[in-house]
Amino acid sequence: MTPSLADLSHSLLDAARKAGAESADALAVAGAALSIEIRKGALEQAERSEGVEIGLRVLVGRRQACVSASDTSAATIRALAERAVAMAREAPEDPTSGLAEPDQLAQGWDLAALDLADPAEEPDAATLEAQARAVEAAALATQGITQVEAAAAYGRRSLHMAATNGFSGGYGRSSTSLSAVAFTGQGSEMQRDYAGEGRVYASDMPGAEEIGRLAAERALQRVGSVKPRTGTFPVVYDERVAASLVGHLLSAVNGTSIARGSSWARDLLGKPVLPAGIVLIEDPHRPRIGSSRPFDGEGLATRRREIVADGVLTGWVLDLATGRKLGMPSTANAFRGTSAPPSPSTTNIDLTQGARSRADLIRDMGTGLLVTSMIGSTINPTTGDYSRGAAGFWVENGELAYPVHECTIAGNLRDMLLRLVPANDARAHLSTRVPSILIDGMTLAGA
């Protein structure tokens, strides 16, 4: 009889105790994934993976070690625990390591309310191939499209975590996605763009034809791209790329960077980091969203909180270890895999939406750049200096004039984020919901 994930995690704990661990936590993860890729009308790749992974973290005093394996036999579990304890005894002491206290642990969560797993049967390869071909056909039906790369994928994942402090819990999630990259033109004149969608429930997905048509339309809009002017101009970040700006802020307020003193936001707690009236919310309990979860990687109850309130930074993103380093409680933001100790990260993020549409921001900016895609990144994490390659559309007199590429946008994140103006076009189903954003006074390097 195949052991359950709960049985595996508790077997790991039992083995750790017998091997001499003073405390431990264990993670068992089972997953399956199926993906189909179509290129030039032919099946490029059909891939399926399935397996179980186990991970164990043991503590001997304030020394810790992590080990993992994909073999779940009793002999492997026993050897894994013995190896972990031996490694921990040789590891340097870390005064911030350690499990949560029992009174910190999550209790009584409502998995049904999160609705993270689609009850429908897993699709077979033929079904996914038909969906990918429908995306491809829709894109190719648009005049001017010469080639399409289409993909369809499905995945499911379940986990169970247990620890010697008494925590035990698990959950599962599913995902389905469709995407297309459409090409137009030949040689040096070739242009491409993409469209893609993903959902927890397959029944919530938009139609394949809609995705293919959008990829084609975006690719055709790129025809005739040139380098833009060099100078200082306002920039509108399209909703597709605007979340990257919030991502830079979240990286800067991550407890790991703060504890090291290597973040440009290290002295901004309790100070403005966004314009007045703007709120940045983390909500791990949004139903049918892939990043939602009832507890974090250390067994603490997750909760909704305002990381930024009325433009002011209210706190860091912390797990237990970084919280101890900073003399603060964990914010229940621990993430972990089977082979490494927990580290802080965020789940679902919402930035306050504005009252104006993206078209309104473009109209009001006058002359500047609409960014629809970005490549490369040179971000100085200590100073916040920002430089990224971009492509999009040049705007003249509040209207799109022509497509542009091969330009660089530069500025400083501390100043940029204080000047952002949000639109109202964030997509509701995304884990990170950030609308299009206008920032004035950016330095552009083009022709």
Protein backbone atom coordinates (compact mmCIF):
# COMPACT_ATOMS: atom_id res chain seq x y z
CA MET A 1 0.00 0.00 0.00
CA THR A 2 1.39 3.41 -1.00
CA PRO A 3 1.84 5.68 2.03
CA SER A 4 0.00 9.00 2.07
CA LEU A 5 1.88 12.29 2.09
CA ALA A 6 0.89 12.72 5.75
CA ASP A 7 2.32 9.28 6.56
CA LEU A 8 5.54 10.12 4.73
CA SER A 9 6.04 13.41 6.57
CA HIS A 10 5.43 11.78 9.97
CA SER A 11 7.74 8.88 9.09
CA LEU A 12 10.46 11.42 8.38
CA LEU A 13 9.91 13.00 11.80
CA ASP A 14 10.05 9.63 13.54
CA ALA A 15 13.30 8.80 11.75
CA ALA A 16 14.77 12.20 12.65
CA ARG A 17 14.01 11.68 16.35
CA LYS A 18 15.58 8.22 16.30
CA ALA A 19 18.67 9.64 14.57
CA GLY A 20 19.14 12.22 17.35
CA ALA A 21 17.43 15.38 16.09
CA GLU A 22 16.17 17.68 18.83
CA SER A 23 13.47 19.07 16.52
CA ALA A 24 12.55 18.75 12.87
CA ASP A 25 10.04 19.53 10.17
CA ALA A 26 9.25 17.46 7.11
CA LEU A 27 7.61 18.06 3.75
CA ALA A 28 6.17 15.52 1.32
CA VAL A 29 5.11 16.71 -2.14
CA ALA A 30 3.37 14.80 -4.92
CA GLY A 31 2.90 16.30 -8.36
CA ALA A 32 2.02 15.55 -11.94
CA ALA A 33 2.37 17.75 -15.03
CA LEU A 34 1.44 17.35 -18.67
CA SER A 35 2.44 19.77 -21.42
CA ILE A 36 2.02 19.92 -25.20
CA GLU A 37 3.90 22.23 -27.59
CA ILE A 38 3.04 22.86 -31.24
CA ARG A 39 5.49 24.53 -33.64
CA LYS A 40 5.01 25.13 -37.37
CA GLY A 41 1.93 22.94 -37.34
CA ALA A 42 3.77 19.93 -35.92
CA LEU A 43 3.84 18.41 -32.46
CA GLU A 44 7.10 19.75 -31.05
CA GLN A 45 6.93 18.21 -27.60
CA ALA A 46 4.64 16.11 -25.42
CA GLU A 47 5.93 15.75 -21.91
CA ARG A 48 4.54 14.24 -18.73
CA SER A 49 6.17 14.11 -15.31
CA GLU A 50 4.94 12.57 -12.11
CA GLY A 51 6.60 11.90 -8.80
CA VAL A 52 6.91 12.33 -5.06
CA GLU A 53 9.62 14.28 -3.25
CA ILE A 54 10.38 14.32 0.44
CA GLY A 55 12.38 16.85 2.41
CA LEU A 56 13.58 16.95 6.00
CA ARG A 57 15.02 19.77 8.09
CA VAL A 58 16.59 18.77 11.39
CA LEU A 59 17.87 20.92 14.24
CA VAL A 60 20.50 19.98 16.79
CA GLY A 61 20.66 22.91 19.15
CA ARG A 62 20.91 25.94 16.89
CA ARG A 63 22.50 23.98 14.08
CA GLN A 64 20.35 22.86 11.17
CA ALA A 65 20.57 20.88 7.95
CA CYS A 66 18.21 20.06 5.09
CA VAL A 67 18.10 16.91 2.96
CA SER A 68 15.74 15.67 0.25
CA ALA A 69 15.04 12.62 -1.88
CA SER A 70 12.64 11.24 -4.49
CA ASP A 71 12.78 7.71 -3.07
CA THR A 72 10.21 7.16 -0.31
CA SER A 73 11.28 3.73 0.91
CA ALA A 74 11.73 3.13 4.63
CA ALA A 75 15.46 2.54 4.14
CA THR A 76 15.88 5.86 2.32
CA ILE A 77 13.92 7.74 4.98
CA ARG A 78 16.09 6.24 7.71
CA ALA A 79 19.33 7.04 5.85
CA LEU A 80 18.08 10.53 5.02
CA ALA A 81 17.43 11.31 8.68
CA GLU A 82 20.81 9.96 9.80
CA ARG A 83 22.59 11.99 7.13
CA ALA A 84 20.70 15.15 8.08
CA VAL A 85 21.57 14.85 11.76
CA ALA A 86 25.23 14.22 10.93
CA MET A 87 25.26 17.29 8.71
CA ALA A 88 23.55 19.45 11.35
CA ARG A 89 26.15 18.51 13.96
CA GLU A 90 28.86 19.85 11.63
CA ALA A 91 26.94 22.99 10.59
CA PRO A 92 27.70 26.42 12.09
CA GLU A 93 25.38 27.67 14.80
CA ASP A 94 22.57 29.97 13.73
CA PRO A 95 20.89 31.71 16.68
CA THR A 96 17.86 32.57 14.54
CA SER A 97 17.08 29.01 13.41
CA GLY A 98 14.27 27.05 15.01
CA LEU A 99 10.66 25.98 14.64
CA ALA A 100 7.61 28.00 15.58
CA GLU A 101 6.28 27.80 19.11
CA PRO A 102 3.09 25.70 19.39
CA ASP A 103 0.95 28.76 20.16
CA GLN A 104 2.08 30.36 16.88
CA LEU A 105 0.76 27.55 14.68
CA ALA A 106 -2.21 27.73 12.32
CA GLN A 107 -5.35 25.93 13.38
CA GLY A 108 -8.72 25.22 11.81
CA TRP A 109 -8.18 26.55 8.29
CA ASP A 110 -10.90 26.31 5.65
CA LEU A 111 -9.51 24.64 2.51
CA ALA A 112 -12.92 24.54 0.84
CA ALA A 113 -13.12 28.34 0.94
CA LEU A 114 -9.78 28.63 -0.90
CA ASP A 115 -11.01 26.28 -3.68
CA LEU A 116 -7.48 25.57 -4.95
CA ALA A 117 -8.03 22.27 -6.76
CA ASP A 118 -10.19 21.68 -9.81
CA PRO A 119 -12.34 18.56 -9.17
CA ALA A 120 -12.56 17.85 -12.92
CA GLU A 121 -10.60 14.92 -14.29
CA GLU A 122 -7.08 15.49 -15.54
CA PRO A 123 -7.10 16.12 -19.31
CA ASP A 124 -5.35 13.63 -21.55
CA ALA A 125 -2.63 14.52 -24.06
CA ALA A 126 -5.07 14.48 -26.98
CA THR A 127 -7.28 17.08 -25.29
CA LEU A 128 -4.36 19.41 -24.60
CA GLU A 129 -3.05 18.96 -28.14
CA ALA A 130 -6.45 19.92 -29.56
CA GLN A 131 -6.48 23.05 -27.40
CA ALA A 132 -2.98 24.03 -28.49
CA ARG A 133 -3.90 23.49 -32.15
CA ALA A 134 -7.00 25.64 -31.70
CA VAL A 135 -4.82 28.47 -30.36
CA GLU A 136 -2.43 28.01 -33.30
CA ALA A 137 -5.25 28.01 -35.87
CA ALA A 138 -6.79 31.18 -34.48
CA ALA A 139 -3.48 33.02 -34.72
CA LEU A 140 -2.71 31.74 -38.22
CA ALA A 141 -6.18 32.79 -39.38
CA THR A 142 -5.04 36.40 -39.00
CA GLN A 143 -3.55 37.72 -42.24
CA GLY A 144 0.17 38.43 -41.95
CA ILE A 145 1.01 35.79 -39.33
CA THR A 146 3.65 33.41 -40.70
CA GLN A 147 4.36 31.10 -37.79
CA VAL A 148 2.94 30.21 -34.38
CA GLU A 149 4.27 28.40 -31.35
CA ALA A 150 1.40 27.21 -29.15
CA ALA A 151 1.38 25.39 -25.82
CA ALA A 152 -1.14 23.83 -23.45
CA ALA A 153 -0.35 22.54 -19.97
CA TYR A 154 -1.97 21.03 -16.91
CA GLY A 155 -0.52 20.42 -13.47
CA ARG A 156 -1.55 19.28 -10.04
CA ARG A 157 0.41 19.31 -6.80
CA SER A 158 -0.29 18.19 -3.25
CA LEU A 159 1.81 18.67 -0.14
CA HIS A 160 1.80 17.76 3.51
CA MET A 161 4.00 19.35 6.14
CA ALA A 162 4.55 18.13 9.68
CA ALA A 163 6.86 19.23 12.50
CA THR A 164 7.87 18.11 15.98
CA ASN A 165 6.18 21.21 17.44
CA GLY A 166 2.83 19.56 16.68
CA PHE A 167 1.99 21.07 13.31
CA SER A 168 0.50 18.84 10.62
CA GLY A 169 -1.35 20.00 7.55
CA GLY A 170 -1.58 19.83 3.79
CA TYR A 171 -3.46 20.89 0.69
CA GLY A 172 -3.52 20.44 -3.07
CA ARG A 173 -3.77 22.75 -6.05
CA SER A 174 -4.23 22.50 -9.79
CA SER A 175 -3.40 24.66 -12.79
CA THR A 176 -4.18 24.80 -16.47
CA SER A 177 -2.77 27.15 -19.12
CA LEU A 178 -2.81 28.01 -22.83
CA SER A 179 -0.40 30.29 -24.67
CA ALA A 180 0.77 31.32 -28.12
CA VAL A 181 3.71 33.18 -29.63
CA ALA A 182 2.86 34.61 -33.06
CA PHE A 183 5.45 35.65 -35.69
CA THR A 184 5.14 37.96 -38.65
CA GLY A 185 7.68 39.00 -41.30
CA GLN A 186 10.98 37.41 -42.30
CA GLY A 187 14.64 37.77 -41.38
CA SER A 188 15.59 41.06 -39.75
CA GLU A 189 12.03 42.29 -40.25
CA MET A 190 10.53 39.48 -38.20
CA GLN A 191 8.44 40.51 -35.20
CA ARG A 192 6.72 38.45 -32.55
CA ASP A 193 4.47 38.79 -29.52
CA TYR A 194 2.51 36.51 -27.26
CA ALA A 195 -0.70 35.95 -25.33
CA GLY A 196 -1.39 33.45 -22.58
CA GLU A 197 -3.85 32.61 -19.83
CA GLY A 198 -3.79 30.36 -16.78
CA ARG A 199 -6.39 29.37 -14.20
CA VAL A 200 -6.88 27.01 -11.28
CA TYR A 201 -10.09 25.69 -12.85
CA ALA A 202 -10.07 24.66 -16.52
CA SER A 203 -13.70 25.81 -16.78
CA ASP A 204 -12.60 29.38 -15.98
CA MET A 205 -10.24 29.56 -18.97
CA PRO A 206 -11.05 31.90 -21.88
CA GLY A 207 -11.42 30.31 -25.30
CA ALA A 208 -8.39 29.16 -27.27
CA GLU A 209 -9.48 31.28 -30.24
CA GLU A 210 -9.39 34.45 -28.15
CA ILE A 211 -5.83 33.73 -27.00
CA GLY A 212 -4.61 33.00 -30.53
CA ARG A 213 -6.21 36.10 -32.02
CA LEU A 214 -4.70 38.32 -29.33
CA ALA A 215 -1.20 36.95 -29.89
CA ALA A 216 -1.58 37.63 -33.63
CA GLU A 217 -2.86 41.16 -33.13
CA ARG A 218 0.00 42.00 -30.80
CA ALA A 219 2.61 40.62 -33.21
CA LEU A 220 1.21 42.59 -36.16
CA GLN A 221 1.28 45.77 -34.10
CA ARG A 222 5.07 45.33 -33.77
CA VAL A 223 5.69 45.63 -37.54
CA GLY A 224 7.92 48.55 -38.44
CA SER A 225 9.47 48.98 -34.98
CA VAL A 226 12.22 51.59 -34.67
CA LYS A 227 14.33 52.99 -31.87
CA PRO A 228 12.65 55.84 -29.97
CA ARG A 229 14.12 59.22 -29.17
CA THR A 230 16.59 59.73 -26.35
CA GLY A 231 15.69 62.07 -23.54
CA THR A 232 13.48 62.47 -20.49
CA PHE A 233 9.86 61.47 -21.03
CA PRO A 234 6.84 60.04 -19.22
CA VAL A 235 6.44 56.25 -19.48
CA VAL A 236 3.29 54.14 -19.24
CA TYR A 237 3.95 50.57 -18.17
CA ASP A 238 1.27 48.38 -19.73
CA GLU A 239 -0.60 46.10 -17.33
CA ARG A 240 1.34 43.15 -18.76
CA VAL A 241 4.62 44.51 -17.37
CA ALA A 242 3.56 46.90 -14.59
CA ALA A 243 3.70 44.17 -11.93
CA SER A 244 7.49 44.15 -12.31
CA LEU A 245 7.64 47.55 -10.59
CA VAL A 246 5.77 46.22 -7.56
CA GLY A 247 8.01 43.16 -7.68
CA HIS A 248 11.07 45.38 -7.24
CA LEU A 249 9.47 46.98 -4.17
CA LEU A 250 8.58 43.60 -2.68
CA SER A 251 12.15 42.41 -3.19
CA ALA A 252 13.41 45.51 -1.40
CA VAL A 253 11.18 44.92 1.67
CA ASN A 254 11.99 41.20 1.87
CA GLY A 255 13.36 40.35 5.29
CA THR A 256 16.43 38.62 3.87
CA SER A 257 17.61 41.82 2.18
CA ILE A 258 16.69 43.98 5.17
CA ALA A 259 18.53 41.74 7.64
CA ARG A 260 21.64 41.92 5.45
CA GLY A 261 21.37 45.69 5.18
CA SER A 262 21.55 45.37 1.38
CA SER A 263 18.19 46.90 0.40
CA TRP A 264 17.52 50.39 -0.92
CA ALA A 265 14.39 50.37 1.31
CA ARG A 266 16.24 49.51 4.53
CA ASP A 267 15.54 52.94 6.10
CA LEU A 268 11.98 53.40 4.76
CA LEU A 269 9.87 51.58 7.37
CA GLY A 270 7.10 53.95 8.41
CA LYS A 271 7.90 56.30 5.53
CA PRO A 272 6.26 56.92 2.12
CA VAL A 273 7.28 54.51 -0.63
CA LEU A 274 4.21 55.05 -2.87
CA PRO A 275 1.99 58.10 -3.45
CA ALA A 276 -0.51 59.05 -0.74
CA GLY A 277 -3.75 57.12 -1.06
CA ILE A 278 -2.10 54.03 -2.57
CA VAL A 279 -2.40 50.70 -0.73
CA LEU A 280 -0.43 47.52 -1.41
CA ILE A 281 -2.25 44.50 0.00
CA GLU A 282 -1.22 40.88 0.40
CA ASP A 283 -4.18 38.50 0.62
CA PRO A 284 -3.29 34.77 0.73
CA HIS A 285 -6.96 33.75 0.98
CA ARG A 286 -8.36 34.71 -2.42
CA PRO A 287 -10.35 31.73 -3.75
CA ARG A 288 -9.31 29.94 -6.95
CA ILE A 289 -5.96 31.76 -7.11
CA GLY A 290 -2.83 29.68 -7.57
CA SER A 291 -0.74 31.43 -4.91
CA SER A 292 -3.34 31.26 -2.12
CA ARG A 293 -2.57 29.08 0.89
CA PRO A 294 -3.93 28.51 4.41
CA PHE A 295 -0.57 28.38 6.20
CA ASP A 296 3.01 29.29 5.41
CA GLY A 297 6.12 27.13 5.12
CA GLU A 298 6.57 27.09 8.90
CA GLY A 299 2.97 26.29 9.81
CA LEU A 300 1.87 29.82 10.72
CA ALA A 301 -1.60 31.01 9.73
CA THR A 302 -1.53 33.29 6.71
CA ARG A 303 -3.54 36.51 6.79
CA ARG A 304 -4.48 39.55 4.76
CA ARG A 305 -2.36 42.62 5.49
CA GLU A 306 -1.44 46.02 4.10
CA ILE A 307 2.26 46.10 3.31
CA VAL A 308 1.82 49.73 2.24
CA ALA A 309 -1.04 51.83 3.66
CA ASP A 310 -1.80 55.31 2.31
CA GLY A 311 1.58 55.20 0.58
CA VAL A 312 3.49 54.40 3.79
CA LEU A 313 5.50 51.20 4.28
CA THR A 314 4.03 49.38 7.30
CA GLY A 315 6.29 46.34 7.59
CA TRP A 316 8.74 43.88 6.10
CA VAL A 317 8.10 40.47 4.54
CA LEU A 318 9.35 38.03 7.20
CA ASP A 319 9.67 34.39 8.09
CA LEU A 320 10.68 33.26 11.59
CA ALA A 321 14.45 33.49 11.04
CA THR A 322 14.50 36.96 9.47
CA GLY A 323 12.01 38.14 12.07
CA ARG A 324 14.32 36.98 14.85
CA LYS A 325 17.26 38.75 13.21
CA LEU A 326 15.28 41.99 13.15
CA GLY A 327 13.56 41.56 16.52
CA MET A 328 10.13 41.31 14.91
CA PRO A 329 7.43 38.62 14.67
CA SER A 330 7.08 36.60 11.51
CA THR A 331 4.52 37.91 9.01
CA ALA A 332 3.74 34.28 8.02
CA ASN A 333 5.55 34.68 4.70
CA ALA A 334 7.78 31.61 4.89
CA PHE A 335 8.12 29.58 1.70
CA ARG A 336 10.08 26.37 1.42
CA GLY A 337 10.82 23.49 -0.86
CA THR A 338 12.01 20.02 -0.02
CA SER A 339 15.73 20.80 -0.22
CA ALA A 340 16.19 24.14 1.57
CA PRO A 341 15.12 25.89 4.77
CA PRO A 342 12.28 28.44 4.71
CA SER A 343 12.78 31.92 3.28
CA PRO A 344 10.36 34.88 3.06
CA SER A 345 8.25 35.62 0.00
CA THR A 346 4.76 36.93 -0.80
CA THR A 347 1.54 35.41 -2.13
CA ASN A 348 -1.31 37.36 -3.76
CA ILE A 349 -0.69 41.08 -4.21
CA ASP A 350 -3.10 43.95 -4.99
CA LEU A 351 -2.12 47.54 -5.81
CA THR A 352 -4.82 50.20 -5.53
CA GLN A 353 -6.44 50.84 -8.90
CA GLY A 354 -6.91 54.36 -10.15
CA ALA A 355 -9.94 56.10 -11.61
CA ARG A 356 -8.57 56.40 -15.16
CA SER A 357 -8.14 53.87 -17.96
CA ARG A 358 -4.86 53.08 -19.71
CA ALA A 359 -6.12 55.13 -22.65
CA ASP A 360 -6.62 58.09 -20.32
CA LEU A 361 -3.04 57.81 -19.04
CA ILE A 362 -1.71 57.67 -22.60
CA ARG A 363 -3.81 60.69 -23.59
CA ASP A 364 -2.65 62.68 -20.57
CA MET A 365 1.05 61.81 -20.96
CA GLY A 366 1.30 63.76 -24.22
CA THR A 367 4.60 62.55 -25.67
CA GLY A 368 6.40 59.52 -24.27
CA LEU A 369 6.62 55.74 -24.28
CA LEU A 370 4.08 52.95 -23.75
CA VAL A 371 6.01 49.84 -22.64
CA THR A 372 4.48 46.47 -23.52
CA SER A 373 7.49 44.18 -23.05
CA MET A 374 10.79 44.24 -21.21
CA ILE A 375 14.06 42.36 -21.53
CA GLY A 376 17.07 42.24 -19.25
CA SER A 377 17.37 43.96 -15.93
CA THR A 378 20.05 45.96 -14.18
CA ILE A 379 18.71 46.77 -10.73
CA ASN A 380 21.11 47.82 -7.98
CA PRO A 381 19.47 46.30 -4.86
CA THR A 382 21.38 48.62 -2.53
CA THR A 383 20.77 51.98 -4.23
CA GLY A 384 17.60 51.26 -6.24
CA ASP A 385 19.17 52.40 -9.50
CA TYR A 386 17.03 51.00 -12.30
CA SER A 387 17.78 50.22 -15.95
CA ARG A 388 15.80 47.89 -18.22
CA GLY A 389 15.50 47.16 -21.92
CA ALA A 390 12.03 47.79 -23.33
CA ALA A 391 9.80 47.73 -26.38
CA GLY A 392 6.37 49.17 -27.00
CA PHE A 393 4.89 52.20 -28.74
CA TRP A 394 5.88 55.82 -29.07
CA VAL A 395 3.14 58.26 -28.07
CA GLU A 396 2.69 61.67 -29.71
CA ASN A 397 0.02 64.14 -28.60
CA GLY A 398 -1.63 61.48 -26.47
CA GLU A 399 -1.98 58.91 -29.27
CA LEU A 400 0.01 55.83 -30.28
CA ALA A 401 2.27 56.89 -33.15
CA TYR A 402 4.47 53.88 -34.06
CA PRO A 403 6.04 50.76 -32.50
CA VAL A 404 9.48 51.01 -30.92
CA HIS A 405 12.15 48.58 -29.73
CA GLU A 406 15.75 48.43 -28.53
CA CYS A 407 15.48 51.19 -25.95
CA THR A 408 16.51 51.47 -22.31
CA ILE A 409 14.50 52.98 -19.46
CA ALA A 410 16.43 54.29 -16.47
CA GLY A 411 15.71 55.92 -13.13
CA ASN A 412 15.81 55.23 -9.40
CA LEU A 413 13.15 53.06 -7.80
CA ARG A 414 12.86 55.18 -4.64
CA ASP A 415 11.89 58.17 -6.75
CA MET A 416 9.98 56.31 -9.47
CA LEU A 417 7.56 54.55 -7.13
CA LEU A 418 6.68 57.82 -5.38
CA ARG A 419 5.54 59.22 -8.74
CA LEU A 420 3.47 56.33 -10.07
CA VAL A 421 -0.10 56.89 -11.26
CA PRO A 422 -2.19 53.70 -11.52
CA ALA A 423 -4.86 53.00 -14.15
CA ASN A 424 -7.92 50.81 -13.57
CA ASP A 425 -7.20 47.80 -15.81
CA ALA A 426 -5.76 45.12 -13.50
CA ARG A 427 -7.03 41.65 -14.45
CA ALA A 428 -9.08 40.12 -11.64
CA HIS A 429 -7.88 36.51 -11.97
CA LEU A 430 -4.15 37.21 -11.54
CA SER A 431 -2.30 36.49 -8.33
CA THR A 432 -0.51 39.84 -8.62
CA ARG A 433 -3.09 42.45 -9.64
CA VAL A 434 -1.32 45.61 -10.76
CA PRO A 435 -2.88 47.98 -13.33
CA SER A 436 -1.06 49.94 -16.01
CA ILE A 437 1.15 52.60 -14.41
CA LEU A 438 2.30 56.05 -15.54
CA ILE A 439 5.62 57.43 -14.28
CA ASP A 440 6.88 60.77 -15.50
CA GLY A 441 10.47 61.98 -15.82
CA MET A 442 12.05 58.67 -16.95
CA THR A 443 15.32 58.64 -18.88
CA LEU A 444 15.03 56.93 -22.28
CA ALA A 445 18.00 55.88 -24.39
CA GLY A 446 17.07 55.01 -27.97
CA ALA A 447 18.25 56.33 -31.32
